[in-house]
Amino acid sequence: MNKVVNWSEAQKVELEKIKMVCFDVDDTVTTDGVLPAASYQALWDLKEAGYLLMPITGRSASWCDHFARFWPVDAVVGENGAFSFFMDNGVRRRIDTLGDKSNEAKEKIQSLKSEILSEFPQAIWASDQDYREYDLAIDICEDVPPWSEDEIQRLLEFLKQCGAKAKLSSIHINAWFGEYDKCSGIKAWLMAGGPGVTGNIPKWDEMIFIGDSPNDAPMFGAFDFSVGVANITKYWDQLEAHPTWVTTGKSGDGFVEMAQKLIQIRQ
């Protein structure tokens, strides 16, 4: 089993090549459902230090539209890799990972809702479900009493039996149809030429990712450099891949901790 290596042990020589910071949002940049001032300031400080920024999140298309327009980011991957949004001369544009299979995926999601409710009548969709395009998010603790670990695992297994992809985040269980995840979402954006970025597109080994939950495991496994905020240790034994380093601080505090070290390297 991979041991936990503290972010403080990351060496300057390893981090000097980093040009782009990719990050999860919920419970990575936010804390207890709120975006702290320090986290938002850290985003601006990273941008001013010259880093490219990309949220890679399970949140809905509506949230991602907001991130692309109003946060200091270069692009955003949303709904666990279904699409990327970016701004082009003031116009929000997109890349769809699913391509011509998008309508089929949407139809399957509608059928899946009925199947879930027949087996889990207590299931409630996430409050932003109406604004999702390809993803079904089942709320497990954001606006509902927390589900037990047994209930969570039973639902994850049920979704897989239904032929859906299923990932656990810190607040939702996300389900979708299509061969993609957070990692393939950013790869699709890179293959399209990294739209939204002015200047050189970062190489794979020039990016770092920070996250907090099992749906971030594809990123932990694929990136040369990755960070987990301290709350990732809650899921340590469930992770298919582990982050390179773990911060001392949880959630937003951990994000700020990571950002401060990267900013110091540029000073």
C-alpha atoms as a PDB file:
ATOM      1  CA  MET A   1       0.000   0.000   0.000  1.00  0.00           C
ATOM      2  CA  ASN A   2       1.298   3.470  -0.863  1.00  0.00           C
ATOM      3  CA  LYS A   3       2.341   5.439   2.170  1.00  0.00           C
ATOM      4  CA  VAL A   4       1.243   9.029   2.741  1.00  0.00           C
ATOM      5  CA  VAL A   5       4.032  11.447   1.746  1.00  0.00           C
ATOM      6  CA  ASN A   6       3.599  14.999   3.016  1.00  0.00           C
ATOM      7  CA  TRP A   7       3.527  17.890   0.558  1.00  0.00           C
ATOM      8  CA  SER A   8       6.339  19.516   2.538  1.00  0.00           C
ATOM      9  CA  GLU A   9       8.659  16.809   1.179  1.00  0.00           C
ATOM     10  CA  ALA A  10       8.117  17.863  -2.451  1.00  0.00           C
ATOM     11  CA  GLN A  11      11.389  19.196  -3.809  1.00  0.00           C
ATOM     12  CA  LYS A  12      11.848  22.462  -5.684  1.00  0.00           C
ATOM     13  CA  VAL A  13      13.671  20.659  -8.496  1.00  0.00           C
ATOM     14  CA  GLU A  14      10.566  18.511  -9.046  1.00  0.00           C
ATOM     15  CA  LEU A  15       8.145  21.425  -9.063  1.00  0.00           C
ATOM     16  CA  GLU A  16      10.085  24.022 -11.077  1.00  0.00           C
ATOM     17  CA  LYS A  17       8.812  22.563 -14.366  1.00  0.00           C
ATOM     18  CA  ILE A  18       5.121  22.903 -13.377  1.00  0.00           C
ATOM     19  CA  LYS A  19       3.213  25.265 -15.670  1.00  0.00           C
ATOM     20  CA  MET A  20      -0.412  24.247 -15.090  1.00  0.00           C
ATOM     21  CA  VAL A  21      -2.380  23.540 -11.915  1.00  0.00           C
ATOM     22  CA  CYS A  22      -5.411  21.271 -12.358  1.00  0.00           C
ATOM     23  CA  PHE A  23      -7.753  20.963  -9.415  1.00  0.00           C
ATOM     24  CA  ASP A  24     -10.944  19.425  -8.137  1.00  0.00           C
ATOM     25  CA  VAL A  25     -13.443  21.882  -6.643  1.00  0.00           C
ATOM     26  CA  ASP A  26     -15.665  20.408  -3.907  1.00  0.00           C
ATOM     27  CA  ASP A  27     -13.772  19.824  -0.650  1.00  0.00           C
ATOM     28  CA  THR A  28     -10.507  20.618  -2.437  1.00  0.00           C
ATOM     29  CA  VAL A  29     -10.876  24.347  -3.082  1.00  0.00           C
ATOM     30  CA  THR A  30     -14.072  24.642  -1.025  1.00  0.00           C
ATOM     31  CA  THR A  31     -14.525  23.828   2.657  1.00  0.00           C
ATOM     32  CA  ASP A  32     -17.816  22.539   4.040  1.00  0.00           C
ATOM     33  CA  GLY A  33     -19.667  23.723   0.943  1.00  0.00           C
ATOM     34  CA  VAL A  34     -18.221  27.244   0.967  1.00  0.00           C
ATOM     35  CA  LEU A  35     -15.503  28.866  -1.139  1.00  0.00           C
ATOM     36  CA  PRO A  36     -13.206  30.511   1.439  1.00  0.00           C
ATOM     37  CA  ALA A  37     -11.684  33.874   0.628  1.00  0.00           C
ATOM     38  CA  ALA A  38      -8.210  32.366   1.056  1.00  0.00           C
ATOM     39  CA  SER A  39      -8.906  29.689  -1.572  1.00  0.00           C
ATOM     40  CA  TYR A  40     -10.196  32.195  -4.111  1.00  0.00           C
ATOM     41  CA  GLN A  41      -7.254  34.477  -3.419  1.00  0.00           C
ATOM     42  CA  ALA A  42      -4.913  31.517  -3.912  1.00  0.00           C
ATOM     43  CA  LEU A  43      -6.362  31.020  -7.409  1.00  0.00           C
ATOM     44  CA  TRP A  44      -5.635  34.642  -8.284  1.00  0.00           C
ATOM     45  CA  ASP A  45      -2.174  34.434  -6.730  1.00  0.00           C
ATOM     46  CA  LEU A  46      -1.359  31.323  -8.788  1.00  0.00           C
ATOM     47  CA  LYS A  47      -2.593  33.057 -11.942  1.00  0.00           C
ATOM     48  CA  GLU A  48      -0.539  36.168 -11.192  1.00  0.00           C
ATOM     49  CA  ALA A  49       2.504  33.939 -10.585  1.00  0.00           C
ATOM     50  CA  GLY A  50       2.137  32.723 -14.154  1.00  0.00           C
ATOM     51  CA  TYR A  51       0.454  29.343 -13.711  1.00  0.00           C
ATOM     52  CA  LEU A  52      -2.279  28.086 -16.020  1.00  0.00           C
ATOM     53  CA  LEU A  53      -5.355  26.931 -14.095  1.00  0.00           C
ATOM     54  CA  MET A  54      -7.999  24.288 -14.835  1.00  0.00           C
ATOM     55  CA  PRO A  55     -10.790  22.998 -12.562  1.00  0.00           C
ATOM     56  CA  ILE A  56     -11.534  19.321 -13.272  1.00  0.00           C
ATOM     57  CA  THR A  57     -14.790  18.609 -11.489  1.00  0.00           C
ATOM     58  CA  GLY A  58     -17.875  16.449 -11.262  1.00  0.00           C
ATOM     59  CA  ARG A  59     -20.041  19.559 -11.086  1.00  0.00           C
ATOM     60  CA  SER A  60     -22.697  20.359 -13.652  1.00  0.00           C
ATOM     61  CA  ALA A  61     -22.478  22.256 -16.933  1.00  0.00           C
ATOM     62  CA  SER A  62     -24.078  25.277 -15.256  1.00  0.00           C
ATOM     63  CA  TRP A  63     -21.382  25.442 -12.591  1.00  0.00           C
ATOM     64  CA  CYS A  64     -18.685  24.984 -15.223  1.00  0.00           C
ATOM     65  CA  ASP A  65     -20.087  27.835 -17.287  1.00  0.00           C
ATOM     66  CA  HIS A  66     -19.676  30.042 -14.230  1.00  0.00           C
ATOM     67  CA  PHE A  67     -16.122  28.803 -13.547  1.00  0.00           C
ATOM     68  CA  ALA A  68     -15.073  29.455 -17.151  1.00  0.00           C
ATOM     69  CA  ARG A  69     -16.545  32.950 -17.193  1.00  0.00           C
ATOM     70  CA  PHE A  70     -15.793  34.315 -13.742  1.00  0.00           C
ATOM     71  CA  TRP A  71     -12.892  32.415 -12.175  1.00  0.00           C
ATOM     72  CA  PRO A  72      -9.243  33.091 -13.112  1.00  0.00           C
ATOM     73  CA  VAL A  73      -8.992  29.837 -15.077  1.00  0.00           C
ATOM     74  CA  ASP A  74      -7.952  28.958 -18.627  1.00  0.00           C
ATOM     75  CA  ALA A  75     -10.455  26.128 -19.151  1.00  0.00           C
ATOM     76  CA  VAL A  76     -12.608  23.743 -17.112  1.00  0.00           C
ATOM     77  CA  VAL A  77     -13.411  20.034 -17.438  1.00  0.00           C
ATOM     78  CA  GLY A  78     -16.868  19.211 -16.107  1.00  0.00           C
ATOM     79  CA  GLU A  79     -19.220  16.363 -15.232  1.00  0.00           C
ATOM     80  CA  ASN A  80     -16.278  14.047 -14.588  1.00  0.00           C
ATOM     81  CA  GLY A  81     -14.786  14.497 -18.054  1.00  0.00           C
ATOM     82  CA  ALA A  82     -17.858  14.799 -20.308  1.00  0.00           C
ATOM     83  CA  PHE A  83     -16.800  18.171 -21.742  1.00  0.00           C
ATOM     84  CA  SER A  84     -14.460  21.114 -21.397  1.00  0.00           C
ATOM     85  CA  PHE A  85     -15.431  24.798 -21.474  1.00  0.00           C
ATOM     86  CA  PHE A  86     -13.145  27.711 -22.288  1.00  0.00           C
ATOM     87  CA  MET A  87     -13.407  31.370 -23.229  1.00  0.00           C
ATOM     88  CA  ASP A  88     -12.543  32.581 -26.721  1.00  0.00           C
ATOM     89  CA  ASN A  89     -12.524  36.379 -27.115  1.00  0.00           C
ATOM     90  CA  GLY A  90     -15.289  36.720 -24.561  1.00  0.00           C
ATOM     91  CA  VAL A  91     -17.371  33.834 -25.933  1.00  0.00           C
ATOM     92  CA  ARG A  92     -17.750  30.603 -23.952  1.00  0.00           C
ATOM     93  CA  ARG A  93     -17.004  27.595 -26.150  1.00  0.00           C
ATOM     94  CA  ARG A  94     -16.830  23.841 -25.530  1.00  0.00           C
ATOM     95  CA  ILE A  95     -15.426  20.461 -26.494  1.00  0.00           C
ATOM     96  CA  ASP A  96     -17.609  17.371 -26.014  1.00  0.00           C
ATOM     97  CA  THR A  97     -15.819  14.160 -25.096  1.00  0.00           C
ATOM     98  CA  LEU A  98     -18.750  11.946 -26.174  1.00  0.00           C
ATOM     99  CA  GLY A  99     -19.116  13.303 -29.686  1.00  0.00           C
ATOM    100  CA  ASP A 100     -21.953  11.658 -31.647  1.00  0.00           C
ATOM    101  CA  LYS A 101     -22.861   9.392 -28.716  1.00  0.00           C
ATOM    102  CA  SER A 102     -24.079  12.262 -26.565  1.00  0.00           C
ATOM    103  CA  ASN A 103     -27.816  11.817 -27.231  1.00  0.00           C
ATOM    104  CA  GLU A 104     -27.635   8.087 -26.516  1.00  0.00           C
ATOM    105  CA  ALA A 105     -25.915   8.789 -23.199  1.00  0.00           C
ATOM    106  CA  LYS A 106     -28.605  11.289 -22.192  1.00  0.00           C
ATOM    107  CA  GLU A 107     -31.381   8.787 -22.963  1.00  0.00           C
ATOM    108  CA  LYS A 108     -29.710   6.102 -20.862  1.00  0.00           C
ATOM    109  CA  ILE A 109     -29.466   8.492 -17.915  1.00  0.00           C
ATOM    110  CA  GLN A 110     -33.240   9.037 -17.967  1.00  0.00           C
ATOM    111  CA  SER A 111     -33.838   5.270 -17.828  1.00  0.00           C
ATOM    112  CA  LEU A 112     -31.273   4.885 -15.071  1.00  0.00           C
ATOM    113  CA  LYS A 113     -33.197   7.262 -12.810  1.00  0.00           C
ATOM    114  CA  SER A 114     -36.169   4.885 -12.690  1.00  0.00           C
ATOM    115  CA  GLU A 115     -33.948   1.868 -12.055  1.00  0.00           C
ATOM    116  CA  ILE A 116     -32.240   3.596  -9.139  1.00  0.00           C
ATOM    117  CA  LEU A 117     -35.492   4.689  -7.504  1.00  0.00           C
ATOM    118  CA  SER A 118     -36.931   1.170  -7.756  1.00  0.00           C
ATOM    119  CA  GLU A 119     -33.987  -0.170  -5.747  1.00  0.00           C
ATOM    120  CA  PHE A 120     -33.161   2.907  -3.623  1.00  0.00           C
ATOM    121  CA  PRO A 121     -36.419   4.792  -3.003  1.00  0.00           C
ATOM    122  CA  GLN A 122     -34.612   7.151  -0.628  1.00  0.00           C
ATOM    123  CA  ALA A 123     -32.349   8.421  -3.431  1.00  0.00           C
ATOM    124  CA  ILE A 124     -32.483  12.151  -4.129  1.00  0.00           C
ATOM    125  CA  TRP A 125     -30.719  13.777  -7.063  1.00  0.00           C
ATOM    126  CA  ALA A 126     -28.208  16.544  -6.455  1.00  0.00           C
ATOM    127  CA  SER A 127     -29.710  20.025  -6.303  1.00  0.00           C
ATOM    128  CA  ASP A 128     -27.999  20.960  -9.584  1.00  0.00           C
ATOM    129  CA  GLN A 129     -29.224  17.866 -11.472  1.00  0.00           C
ATOM    130  CA  ASP A 130     -31.514  19.916 -13.733  1.00  0.00           C
ATOM    131  CA  TYR A 131     -28.419  21.661 -15.088  1.00  0.00           C
ATOM    132  CA  ARG A 132     -26.400  18.518 -15.840  1.00  0.00           C
ATOM    133  CA  GLU A 133     -26.056  17.296 -19.399  1.00  0.00           C
ATOM    134  CA  TYR A 134     -24.548  13.793 -19.243  1.00  0.00           C
ATOM    135  CA  ASP A 135     -24.216  13.001 -15.571  1.00  0.00           C
ATOM    136  CA  LEU A 136     -26.607  11.727 -12.900  1.00  0.00           C
ATOM    137  CA  ALA A 137     -25.568  12.859  -9.422  1.00  0.00           C
ATOM    138  CA  ILE A 138     -27.101  11.151  -6.392  1.00  0.00           C
ATOM    139  CA  ASP A 139     -26.786  13.259  -3.257  1.00  0.00           C
ATOM    140  CA  ILE A 140     -25.204  11.297  -0.400  1.00  0.00           C
ATOM    141  CA  CYS A 141     -24.577  14.120   2.087  1.00  0.00           C
ATOM    142  CA  GLU A 142     -24.683  17.598   0.535  1.00  0.00           C
ATOM    143  CA  ASP A 143     -28.374  18.422   1.152  1.00  0.00           C
ATOM    144  CA  VAL A 144     -29.491  15.103   2.674  1.00  0.00           C
ATOM    145  CA  PRO A 145     -28.583  13.094   5.786  1.00  0.00           C
ATOM    146  CA  PRO A 146     -25.317  11.221   5.123  1.00  0.00           C
ATOM    147  CA  TRP A 147     -25.684   7.786   3.599  1.00  0.00           C
ATOM    148  CA  SER A 148     -24.003   4.907   5.395  1.00  0.00           C
ATOM    149  CA  GLU A 149     -20.898   3.338   3.914  1.00  0.00           C
ATOM    150  CA  ASP A 150     -22.867   0.151   3.214  1.00  0.00           C
ATOM    151  CA  GLU A 151     -25.542   2.083   1.295  1.00  0.00           C
ATOM    152  CA  ILE A 152     -22.900   3.907  -0.722  1.00  0.00           C
ATOM    153  CA  GLN A 153     -21.120   0.723  -1.708  1.00  0.00           C
ATOM    154  CA  ARG A 154     -24.398  -1.011  -2.569  1.00  0.00           C
ATOM    155  CA  LEU A 155     -25.402   1.848  -4.873  1.00  0.00           C
ATOM    156  CA  LEU A 156     -21.979   1.911  -6.550  1.00  0.00           C
ATOM    157  CA  GLU A 157     -22.257  -1.808  -7.256  1.00  0.00           C
ATOM    158  CA  PHE A 158     -25.842  -1.458  -8.510  1.00  0.00           C
ATOM    159  CA  LEU A 159     -24.813   1.284 -10.948  1.00  0.00           C
ATOM    160  CA  LYS A 160     -22.045  -0.883 -12.353  1.00  0.00           C
ATOM    161  CA  GLN A 161     -24.513  -3.745 -12.822  1.00  0.00           C
ATOM    162  CA  CYS A 162     -26.688  -1.313 -14.806  1.00  0.00           C
ATOM    163  CA  GLY A 163     -23.759  -0.704 -17.148  1.00  0.00           C
ATOM    164  CA  ALA A 164     -23.039   2.809 -15.915  1.00  0.00           C
ATOM    165  CA  LYS A 165     -19.741   4.325 -14.895  1.00  0.00           C
ATOM    166  CA  ALA A 166     -19.921   5.261 -11.228  1.00  0.00           C
ATOM    167  CA  LYS A 167     -17.594   7.351  -9.082  1.00  0.00           C
ATOM    168  CA  LEU A 168     -17.766   8.508  -5.493  1.00  0.00           C
ATOM    169  CA  SER A 169     -17.033  12.139  -4.683  1.00  0.00           C
ATOM    170  CA  SER A 170     -17.100  13.741  -1.255  1.00  0.00           C
ATOM    171  CA  ILE A 171     -20.762  14.752  -1.674  1.00  0.00           C
ATOM    172  CA  HIS A 172     -22.286  12.758  -4.556  1.00  0.00           C
ATOM    173  CA  ILE A 173     -22.230   9.481  -6.372  1.00  0.00           C
ATOM    174  CA  ASN A 174     -21.903  10.325 -10.063  1.00  0.00           C
ATOM    175  CA  ALA A 175     -23.119   7.971 -12.774  1.00  0.00           C
ATOM    176  CA  TRP A 176     -22.797   8.253 -16.552  1.00  0.00           C
ATOM    177  CA  PHE A 177     -22.613   6.278 -19.778  1.00  0.00           C
ATOM    178  CA  GLY A 178     -19.492   6.624 -21.882  1.00  0.00           C
ATOM    179  CA  GLU A 179     -15.844   5.639 -21.824  1.00  0.00           C
ATOM    180  CA  TYR A 180     -14.483   8.742 -20.169  1.00  0.00           C
ATOM    181  CA  ASP A 181     -13.420  10.088 -16.788  1.00  0.00           C
ATOM    182  CA  LYS A 182     -11.699  13.192 -15.463  1.00  0.00           C
ATOM    183  CA  CYS A 183      -8.396  12.116 -16.972  1.00  0.00           C
ATOM    184  CA  SER A 184      -9.703  11.467 -20.478  1.00  0.00           C
ATOM    185  CA  GLY A 185     -11.554  14.791 -20.276  1.00  0.00           C
ATOM    186  CA  ILE A 186      -8.353  16.781 -19.943  1.00  0.00           C
ATOM    187  CA  LYS A 187      -6.662  14.623 -22.580  1.00  0.00           C
ATOM    188  CA  ALA A 188      -9.460  15.469 -25.041  1.00  0.00           C
ATOM    189  CA  TRP A 189      -8.875  19.153 -24.297  1.00  0.00           C
ATOM    190  CA  LEU A 190      -5.132  18.762 -24.915  1.00  0.00           C
ATOM    191  CA  MET A 191      -5.716  16.872 -28.173  1.00  0.00           C
ATOM    192  CA  ALA A 192      -7.877  19.773 -29.342  1.00  0.00           C
ATOM    193  CA  GLY A 193      -4.873  22.052 -28.900  1.00  0.00           C
ATOM    194  CA  GLY A 194      -5.541  23.324 -25.379  1.00  0.00           C
ATOM    195  CA  PRO A 195      -8.078  26.006 -26.399  1.00  0.00           C
ATOM    196  CA  GLY A 196      -8.354  28.884 -23.962  1.00  0.00           C
ATOM    197  CA  VAL A 197      -4.601  29.035 -23.357  1.00  0.00           C
ATOM    198  CA  THR A 198      -2.589  31.894 -24.797  1.00  0.00           C
ATOM    199  CA  GLY A 199       0.941  30.789 -25.587  1.00  0.00           C
ATOM    200  CA  ASN A 200       2.522  27.360 -25.253  1.00  0.00           C
ATOM    201  CA  ILE A 201       0.290  24.430 -24.282  1.00  0.00           C
ATOM    202  CA  PRO A 202       1.669  22.585 -21.229  1.00  0.00           C
ATOM    203  CA  LYS A 203       3.090  19.106 -21.632  1.00  0.00           C
ATOM    204  CA  TRP A 204       1.765  16.261 -19.490  1.00  0.00           C
ATOM    205  CA  ASP A 205       4.784  16.348 -17.149  1.00  0.00           C
ATOM    206  CA  GLU A 206       4.359  20.111 -16.712  1.00  0.00           C
ATOM    207  CA  MET A 207       0.993  19.783 -14.954  1.00  0.00           C
ATOM    208  CA  ILE A 208       0.044  18.997 -11.377  1.00  0.00           C
ATOM    209  CA  PHE A 209      -3.352  17.925 -10.019  1.00  0.00           C
ATOM    210  CA  ILE A 210      -4.882  18.311  -6.559  1.00  0.00           C
ATOM    211  CA  GLY A 211      -8.031  16.505  -5.369  1.00  0.00           C
ATOM    212  CA  ASP A 212      -9.786  14.946  -2.422  1.00  0.00           C
ATOM    213  CA  SER A 213     -11.857  11.844  -3.228  1.00  0.00           C
ATOM    214  CA  PRO A 214     -12.106   8.536  -5.159  1.00  0.00           C
ATOM    215  CA  ASN A 215     -13.330  10.167  -8.378  1.00  0.00           C
ATOM    216  CA  ASP A 216      -9.937  11.888  -8.517  1.00  0.00           C
ATOM    217  CA  ALA A 217      -8.050   8.579  -8.605  1.00  0.00           C
ATOM    218  CA  PRO A 218      -7.740   8.550 -12.436  1.00  0.00           C
ATOM    219  CA  MET A 219      -5.873  11.848 -12.143  1.00  0.00           C
ATOM    220  CA  PHE A 220      -3.666  10.621  -9.300  1.00  0.00           C
ATOM    221  CA  GLY A 221      -2.735   7.606 -11.385  1.00  0.00           C
ATOM    222  CA  ALA A 222      -2.069   9.440 -14.643  1.00  0.00           C
ATOM    223  CA  PHE A 223      -0.213  12.571 -13.583  1.00  0.00           C
ATOM    224  CA  ASP A 224       3.503  12.580 -12.808  1.00  0.00           C
ATOM    225  CA  PHE A 225       2.766  14.989  -9.961  1.00  0.00           C
ATOM    226  CA  SER A 226      -0.411  15.007  -7.865  1.00  0.00           C
ATOM    227  CA  VAL A 227      -1.528  16.208  -4.464  1.00  0.00           C
ATOM    228  CA  GLY A 228      -4.309  15.164  -2.131  1.00  0.00           C
ATOM    229  CA  VAL A 229      -5.687  17.527   0.487  1.00  0.00           C
ATOM    230  CA  ALA A 230      -5.589  15.933   3.940  1.00  0.00           C
ATOM    231  CA  ASN A 231      -9.177  14.663   3.770  1.00  0.00           C
ATOM    232  CA  ILE A 232      -8.136  12.244   1.012  1.00  0.00           C
ATOM    233  CA  THR A 233      -6.824   9.929   3.733  1.00  0.00           C
ATOM    234  CA  LYS A 234     -10.451   9.089   4.601  1.00  0.00           C
ATOM    235  CA  TYR A 235     -10.625   7.202   1.290  1.00  0.00           C
ATOM    236  CA  TRP A 236      -7.023   5.960   1.182  1.00  0.00           C
ATOM    237  CA  ASP A 237      -7.847   2.243   1.138  1.00  0.00           C
ATOM    238  CA  GLN A 238     -10.512   2.748  -1.564  1.00  0.00           C
ATOM    239  CA  LEU A 239      -8.275   4.611  -4.010  1.00  0.00           C
ATOM    240  CA  GLU A 240      -7.284   2.872  -7.231  1.00  0.00           C
ATOM    241  CA  ALA A 241      -4.286   5.237  -7.376  1.00  0.00           C
ATOM    242  CA  HIS A 242      -2.774   7.539  -4.762  1.00  0.00           C
ATOM    243  CA  PRO A 243      -1.506  11.126  -4.915  1.00  0.00           C
ATOM    244  CA  THR A 244       2.230  11.771  -4.891  1.00  0.00           C
ATOM    245  CA  TRP A 245       1.905  14.039  -1.850  1.00  0.00           C
ATOM    246  CA  VAL A 246      -0.727  14.929   0.777  1.00  0.00           C
ATOM    247  CA  THR A 247      -1.137  18.337   2.408  1.00  0.00           C
ATOM    248  CA  THR A 248      -1.354  18.885   6.151  1.00  0.00           C
ATOM    249  CA  GLY A 249      -4.454  21.036   5.768  1.00  0.00           C
ATOM    250  CA  LYS A 250      -7.880  19.771   4.816  1.00  0.00           C
ATOM    251  CA  SER A 251     -10.038  21.012   1.931  1.00  0.00           C
ATOM    252  CA  GLY A 252      -9.484  24.703   1.158  1.00  0.00           C
ATOM    253  CA  ASP A 253      -6.681  24.995   3.709  1.00  0.00           C
ATOM    254  CA  GLY A 254      -4.854  22.214   1.891  1.00  0.00           C
ATOM    255  CA  PHE A 255      -5.348  23.926  -1.456  1.00  0.00           C
ATOM    256  CA  VAL A 256      -3.889  27.153  -0.079  1.00  0.00           C
ATOM    257  CA  GLU A 257      -0.984  25.182   1.370  1.00  0.00           C
ATOM    258  CA  MET A 258      -0.234  23.693  -2.042  1.00  0.00           C
ATOM    259  CA  ALA A 259      -0.604  27.046  -3.807  1.00  0.00           C
ATOM    260  CA  GLN A 260       1.738  28.865  -1.454  1.00  0.00           C
ATOM    261  CA  LYS A 261       4.573  26.457  -2.150  1.00  0.00           C
ATOM    262  CA  LEU A 262       4.124  26.698  -5.922  1.00  0.00           C
ATOM    263  CA  ILE A 263       3.990  30.495  -5.748  1.00  0.00           C
ATOM    264  CA  GLN A 264       7.192  30.633  -3.691  1.00  0.00           C
ATOM    265  CA  ILE A 265       9.005  28.742  -6.452  1.00  0.00           C
ATOM    266  CA  ARG A 266       8.190  31.545  -8.912  1.00  0.00           C
ATOM    267  CA  GLN A 267       9.308  34.345  -6.588  1.00  0.00           C
END
